[in-house]
N, C-alpha and C. Protein backbone atom coordinates (compact mmCIF):
# COMPACT_ATOMS: atom_id res chain seq x y z
N UNK A 1 10.16 66.63 -30.57
CA UNK A 1 10.62 65.35 -31.04
C UNK A 1 9.95 65.09 -32.40
N UNK A 2 10.75 64.75 -33.39
CA UNK A 2 10.21 64.48 -34.71
C UNK A 2 10.24 62.98 -34.94
N UNK A 3 9.32 62.50 -35.75
CA UNK A 3 9.34 61.07 -36.11
C UNK A 3 8.92 60.95 -37.56
N UNK A 4 9.35 59.86 -38.16
CA UNK A 4 9.07 59.61 -39.56
C UNK A 4 8.53 58.19 -39.64
N UNK A 5 7.28 58.03 -40.04
CA UNK A 5 6.71 56.70 -40.17
C UNK A 5 6.90 56.16 -41.56
N UNK A 6 7.36 54.94 -41.67
CA UNK A 6 7.58 54.30 -42.94
C UNK A 6 6.83 52.96 -42.95
N UNK A 7 6.39 52.53 -44.10
CA UNK A 7 5.72 51.23 -44.20
C UNK A 7 6.73 50.11 -44.18
N UNK A 8 6.25 48.87 -44.11
CA UNK A 8 7.09 47.68 -44.03
C UNK A 8 7.98 47.54 -45.25
N UNK A 9 7.47 47.82 -46.43
CA UNK A 9 8.23 47.65 -47.64
C UNK A 9 9.41 48.59 -47.71
N UNK A 10 9.25 49.80 -47.20
CA UNK A 10 10.33 50.76 -47.29
C UNK A 10 11.41 50.57 -46.23
N UNK A 11 11.19 49.71 -45.25
CA UNK A 11 12.21 49.44 -44.24
C UNK A 11 13.40 48.72 -44.83
N UNK A 12 13.20 47.97 -45.88
CA UNK A 12 14.27 47.18 -46.44
C UNK A 12 15.02 47.89 -47.55
N UNK A 13 14.58 49.06 -47.90
CA UNK A 13 15.26 49.85 -48.94
C UNK A 13 16.24 50.80 -48.27
N UNK A 14 17.27 51.15 -49.01
CA UNK A 14 18.21 52.16 -48.52
C UNK A 14 17.69 53.52 -48.98
N UNK A 15 17.34 54.34 -48.02
CA UNK A 15 16.81 55.65 -48.35
C UNK A 15 17.72 56.70 -47.81
N UNK A 16 17.79 57.81 -48.46
CA UNK A 16 18.62 58.93 -48.00
C UNK A 16 17.72 60.09 -47.67
N UNK A 17 17.53 60.35 -46.35
CA UNK A 17 16.77 61.47 -45.91
C UNK A 17 17.27 61.86 -44.54
N UNK A 18 16.94 63.03 -44.10
CA UNK A 18 17.40 63.50 -42.80
C UNK A 18 16.19 63.83 -41.94
N UNK A 19 16.22 63.35 -40.72
CA UNK A 19 15.17 63.64 -39.74
C UNK A 19 15.79 64.46 -38.65
N UNK A 20 15.25 65.60 -38.39
CA UNK A 20 15.79 66.49 -37.34
C UNK A 20 15.27 66.03 -35.99
N UNK A 21 16.20 65.75 -35.07
CA UNK A 21 15.83 65.21 -33.77
C UNK A 21 15.91 66.22 -32.62
N UNK A 22 16.44 67.38 -32.87
CA UNK A 22 16.60 68.30 -31.78
C UNK A 22 16.43 69.75 -32.25
N UNK A 23 16.53 70.63 -31.31
CA UNK A 23 16.44 72.06 -31.64
C UNK A 23 17.69 72.48 -32.40
N UNK A 24 17.58 73.57 -33.14
CA UNK A 24 18.67 74.04 -33.98
C UNK A 24 19.95 74.29 -33.20
N UNK A 25 19.88 74.90 -32.02
CA UNK A 25 21.11 75.17 -31.29
C UNK A 25 21.77 73.90 -30.80
N UNK A 26 20.97 72.86 -30.47
CA UNK A 26 21.54 71.58 -30.07
C UNK A 26 22.20 70.88 -31.27
N UNK A 27 21.56 70.98 -32.44
CA UNK A 27 22.11 70.36 -33.64
C UNK A 27 23.46 70.97 -34.00
N UNK A 28 23.57 72.27 -33.88
CA UNK A 28 24.81 72.95 -34.22
C UNK A 28 25.94 72.49 -33.27
N UNK A 29 25.62 72.29 -32.02
CA UNK A 29 26.61 71.90 -31.02
C UNK A 29 27.02 70.46 -31.21
N UNK A 30 26.09 69.58 -31.54
CA UNK A 30 26.36 68.16 -31.64
C UNK A 30 26.30 67.66 -33.08
N UNK A 31 26.74 68.43 -34.02
CA UNK A 31 26.67 68.07 -35.43
C UNK A 31 27.36 66.73 -35.67
N UNK A 32 26.67 65.81 -36.28
CA UNK A 32 27.26 64.51 -36.60
C UNK A 32 26.95 63.44 -35.57
N UNK A 33 26.57 63.79 -34.34
CA UNK A 33 26.30 62.76 -33.34
C UNK A 33 24.82 62.39 -33.24
N UNK A 34 23.97 63.15 -33.92
CA UNK A 34 22.52 62.87 -33.87
C UNK A 34 22.13 62.09 -35.13
N UNK A 35 21.67 60.88 -34.90
CA UNK A 35 21.12 60.05 -35.99
C UNK A 35 19.89 59.36 -35.45
N UNK A 36 18.82 59.44 -36.17
CA UNK A 36 17.59 58.76 -35.74
C UNK A 36 17.77 57.25 -35.83
N UNK A 37 16.99 56.54 -35.07
CA UNK A 37 17.00 55.07 -35.09
C UNK A 37 15.89 54.54 -35.97
N UNK A 38 16.21 53.55 -36.78
CA UNK A 38 15.19 52.78 -37.50
C UNK A 38 14.76 51.66 -36.54
N UNK A 39 13.48 51.61 -36.19
CA UNK A 39 13.00 50.67 -35.18
C UNK A 39 12.23 49.55 -35.89
N UNK A 40 12.65 48.29 -35.59
CA UNK A 40 12.01 47.11 -36.18
C UNK A 40 11.62 46.15 -35.08
N UNK A 41 10.34 45.78 -35.04
CA UNK A 41 9.90 44.75 -34.09
C UNK A 41 10.24 43.42 -34.71
N UNK A 42 11.03 42.59 -34.03
CA UNK A 42 11.58 41.39 -34.66
C UNK A 42 10.73 40.14 -34.45
N UNK A 43 9.61 40.25 -33.74
CA UNK A 43 8.71 39.12 -33.61
C UNK A 43 8.21 38.74 -35.00
N UNK A 44 8.31 37.43 -35.36
CA UNK A 44 7.86 37.06 -36.72
C UNK A 44 6.42 37.38 -36.98
N UNK A 45 6.05 37.93 -38.08
CA UNK A 45 6.94 38.50 -39.11
C UNK A 45 7.46 39.86 -38.67
N UNK A 46 8.70 40.22 -39.04
CA UNK A 46 9.26 41.51 -38.65
C UNK A 46 8.37 42.65 -39.10
N UNK A 47 8.29 43.66 -38.26
CA UNK A 47 7.41 44.82 -38.59
C UNK A 47 8.19 46.10 -38.34
N UNK A 48 8.23 46.97 -39.34
CA UNK A 48 8.93 48.24 -39.22
C UNK A 48 8.03 49.20 -38.44
N UNK A 49 8.57 49.79 -37.38
CA UNK A 49 7.84 50.76 -36.56
C UNK A 49 8.20 52.19 -36.94
N UNK A 50 9.04 52.34 -37.94
CA UNK A 50 9.38 53.67 -38.44
C UNK A 50 10.73 54.15 -37.97
N UNK A 51 11.04 55.39 -38.24
CA UNK A 51 12.28 56.02 -37.82
C UNK A 51 11.93 56.95 -36.67
N UNK A 52 12.61 56.79 -35.53
CA UNK A 52 12.28 57.52 -34.33
C UNK A 52 13.53 58.23 -33.78
N UNK A 53 13.31 59.38 -33.23
CA UNK A 53 14.40 60.12 -32.55
C UNK A 53 14.38 59.68 -31.08
N UNK A 54 15.44 59.00 -30.67
CA UNK A 54 15.56 58.52 -29.31
C UNK A 54 16.93 58.91 -28.77
N UNK A 55 17.11 58.81 -27.44
CA UNK A 55 18.40 59.17 -26.88
C UNK A 55 19.54 58.35 -27.49
N UNK A 56 20.73 58.95 -27.60
CA UNK A 56 21.82 58.28 -28.32
C UNK A 56 22.48 57.14 -27.55
N UNK A 57 22.19 56.95 -26.28
CA UNK A 57 22.89 55.95 -25.48
C UNK A 57 22.00 54.76 -25.10
N UNK A 58 21.12 54.32 -25.98
CA UNK A 58 20.24 53.19 -25.68
C UNK A 58 21.04 51.89 -25.68
N UNK A 59 20.60 50.94 -24.82
CA UNK A 59 21.28 49.66 -24.70
C UNK A 59 20.26 48.53 -24.66
N UNK A 60 20.75 47.32 -24.90
CA UNK A 60 19.88 46.13 -24.84
C UNK A 60 19.24 46.02 -23.47
N UNK A 61 17.98 45.63 -23.43
CA UNK A 61 17.26 45.45 -22.19
C UNK A 61 16.50 46.70 -21.70
N UNK A 62 16.77 47.85 -22.31
CA UNK A 62 16.05 49.05 -21.92
C UNK A 62 14.65 49.07 -22.53
N UNK A 63 13.75 49.78 -21.89
CA UNK A 63 12.38 49.90 -22.37
C UNK A 63 12.18 51.21 -23.12
N UNK A 64 11.43 51.14 -24.20
CA UNK A 64 11.05 52.34 -24.94
C UNK A 64 9.55 52.25 -25.21
N UNK A 65 8.91 53.39 -25.30
CA UNK A 65 7.48 53.42 -25.61
C UNK A 65 7.29 54.08 -26.96
N UNK A 66 6.66 53.37 -27.89
CA UNK A 66 6.41 53.86 -29.23
C UNK A 66 4.91 53.75 -29.49
N UNK A 67 4.29 54.90 -29.72
CA UNK A 67 2.84 54.99 -29.99
C UNK A 67 2.04 54.28 -28.89
N UNK A 68 2.42 54.52 -27.63
CA UNK A 68 1.68 53.97 -26.50
C UNK A 68 1.95 52.50 -26.20
N UNK A 69 2.78 51.83 -26.97
CA UNK A 69 3.10 50.42 -26.77
C UNK A 69 4.50 50.31 -26.16
N UNK A 70 4.68 49.49 -25.14
CA UNK A 70 5.97 49.32 -24.49
C UNK A 70 6.77 48.22 -25.21
N UNK A 71 8.01 48.51 -25.50
CA UNK A 71 8.93 47.59 -26.15
C UNK A 71 10.23 47.51 -25.36
N UNK A 72 10.89 46.35 -25.46
CA UNK A 72 12.21 46.18 -24.85
C UNK A 72 13.23 45.98 -25.97
N UNK A 73 14.38 46.68 -25.85
CA UNK A 73 15.37 46.63 -26.90
C UNK A 73 16.12 45.29 -26.85
N UNK A 74 16.14 44.64 -27.98
CA UNK A 74 16.80 43.33 -28.10
C UNK A 74 18.21 43.48 -28.71
N UNK A 75 18.39 44.42 -29.61
CA UNK A 75 19.70 44.66 -30.23
C UNK A 75 19.80 46.09 -30.74
N UNK A 76 21.00 46.63 -30.66
CA UNK A 76 21.30 47.96 -31.20
C UNK A 76 22.40 47.78 -32.22
N UNK A 77 22.13 48.25 -33.45
CA UNK A 77 23.11 48.10 -34.51
C UNK A 77 23.51 49.48 -35.06
N UNK A 78 24.80 49.71 -35.15
CA UNK A 78 25.33 50.94 -35.73
C UNK A 78 26.02 50.60 -37.02
N UNK A 79 25.63 51.22 -38.11
CA UNK A 79 26.27 50.99 -39.40
C UNK A 79 27.05 52.22 -39.81
N UNK A 80 28.20 51.95 -40.42
CA UNK A 80 29.08 53.02 -40.89
C UNK A 80 29.34 52.82 -42.36
N UNK A 81 29.64 53.92 -43.04
CA UNK A 81 29.89 53.89 -44.46
C UNK A 81 31.21 54.64 -44.72
N UNK A 82 32.03 54.08 -45.59
CA UNK A 82 33.32 54.71 -45.94
C UNK A 82 33.06 55.80 -46.96
N UNK A 83 33.37 57.06 -46.57
CA UNK A 83 33.19 58.20 -47.47
C UNK A 83 34.44 59.06 -47.40
N UNK A 84 35.03 59.30 -48.55
CA UNK A 84 36.22 60.14 -48.66
C UNK A 84 37.32 59.70 -47.68
N UNK A 85 37.51 58.40 -47.56
CA UNK A 85 38.58 57.87 -46.74
C UNK A 85 38.30 57.82 -45.24
N UNK A 86 37.07 58.19 -44.80
CA UNK A 86 36.72 58.14 -43.40
C UNK A 86 35.43 57.36 -43.24
N UNK A 87 35.30 56.66 -42.13
CA UNK A 87 34.06 56.00 -41.82
C UNK A 87 33.13 56.97 -41.11
N UNK A 88 31.92 57.12 -41.63
CA UNK A 88 30.94 58.02 -41.07
C UNK A 88 29.71 57.22 -40.70
N UNK A 89 29.03 57.58 -39.59
CA UNK A 89 27.80 56.88 -39.24
C UNK A 89 26.75 57.04 -40.31
N UNK A 90 26.10 55.92 -40.70
CA UNK A 90 25.07 56.02 -41.71
C UNK A 90 23.70 55.59 -41.21
N UNK A 91 23.65 54.72 -40.19
CA UNK A 91 22.35 54.25 -39.73
C UNK A 91 22.47 53.68 -38.31
N UNK A 92 21.45 53.91 -37.53
CA UNK A 92 21.31 53.26 -36.22
C UNK A 92 19.98 52.50 -36.28
N UNK A 93 20.03 51.24 -35.83
CA UNK A 93 18.83 50.40 -35.89
C UNK A 93 18.59 49.77 -34.53
N UNK A 94 17.32 49.76 -34.14
CA UNK A 94 16.90 49.09 -32.87
C UNK A 94 16.04 47.89 -33.27
N UNK A 95 16.41 46.72 -32.78
CA UNK A 95 15.54 45.55 -32.89
C UNK A 95 14.84 45.45 -31.52
N UNK A 96 13.52 45.45 -31.55
CA UNK A 96 12.74 45.46 -30.31
C UNK A 96 11.75 44.34 -30.29
N UNK A 97 11.36 43.96 -29.08
CA UNK A 97 10.28 43.00 -28.84
C UNK A 97 9.28 43.67 -27.91
N UNK A 98 8.01 43.29 -28.03
CA UNK A 98 7.04 43.81 -27.06
C UNK A 98 7.54 43.31 -25.69
N UNK A 99 7.28 44.09 -24.66
CA UNK A 99 7.80 43.77 -23.33
C UNK A 99 7.30 42.40 -22.84
N UNK A 100 6.04 42.08 -23.12
CA UNK A 100 5.51 40.79 -22.73
C UNK A 100 6.23 39.65 -23.41
N UNK A 101 6.48 39.79 -24.72
CA UNK A 101 7.19 38.74 -25.46
C UNK A 101 8.63 38.61 -24.97
N UNK A 102 9.27 39.72 -24.63
CA UNK A 102 10.63 39.69 -24.13
C UNK A 102 10.71 38.90 -22.81
N UNK A 103 9.76 39.15 -21.91
CA UNK A 103 9.75 38.44 -20.61
C UNK A 103 9.47 36.96 -20.80
N UNK A 104 8.57 36.59 -21.70
CA UNK A 104 8.29 35.19 -21.98
C UNK A 104 9.54 34.51 -22.53
N UNK A 105 10.25 35.16 -23.42
CA UNK A 105 11.50 34.60 -23.99
C UNK A 105 12.53 34.38 -22.90
N UNK A 106 12.69 35.35 -21.97
CA UNK A 106 13.62 35.20 -20.86
C UNK A 106 13.24 33.98 -19.99
N UNK A 107 11.97 33.87 -19.69
CA UNK A 107 11.48 32.75 -18.87
C UNK A 107 11.78 31.41 -19.54
N UNK A 108 11.46 31.32 -20.85
CA UNK A 108 11.69 30.07 -21.57
C UNK A 108 13.18 29.74 -21.68
N UNK A 109 14.02 30.73 -21.88
CA UNK A 109 15.47 30.49 -21.93
C UNK A 109 15.96 29.99 -20.58
N UNK A 110 15.42 30.53 -19.46
CA UNK A 110 15.79 30.09 -18.13
C UNK A 110 15.38 28.65 -17.90
N UNK A 111 14.18 28.28 -18.34
CA UNK A 111 13.74 26.91 -18.23
C UNK A 111 14.61 25.94 -19.01
N UNK A 112 15.02 26.36 -20.21
CA UNK A 112 15.90 25.55 -21.03
C UNK A 112 17.25 25.31 -20.40
N UNK A 113 17.82 26.35 -19.78
CA UNK A 113 19.09 26.22 -19.09
C UNK A 113 19.02 25.30 -17.90
N UNK A 114 17.90 25.31 -17.18
CA UNK A 114 17.73 24.48 -16.01
C UNK A 114 17.49 23.00 -16.34
N UNK A 115 17.04 22.69 -17.54
CA UNK A 115 16.74 21.30 -17.85
C UNK A 115 17.96 20.54 -18.31
């Protein structure tokens, strides 16, 4: 598994680089379907956790562990770019919250609905 760590300032820039997420024979078989995720912790202030190779079928509410810290996925964003008349995937982004913060937010939302 490969990972690419970026600082907070570079998370907001558009960069063009490739991160290899799998073995060569898997890449050849699944060419075009492997894109690393840019991971951003959205608790104010937002913090970039870098670019990570994660499974392609992640969904909101799932847990991921990054550098020993547990996070819960809050949003998954897929961006596409028009190139040569076709839309091609250009970026996958995960907005995450620490698991504790996610549970507190759920509890507070439930209290608000009940009042």
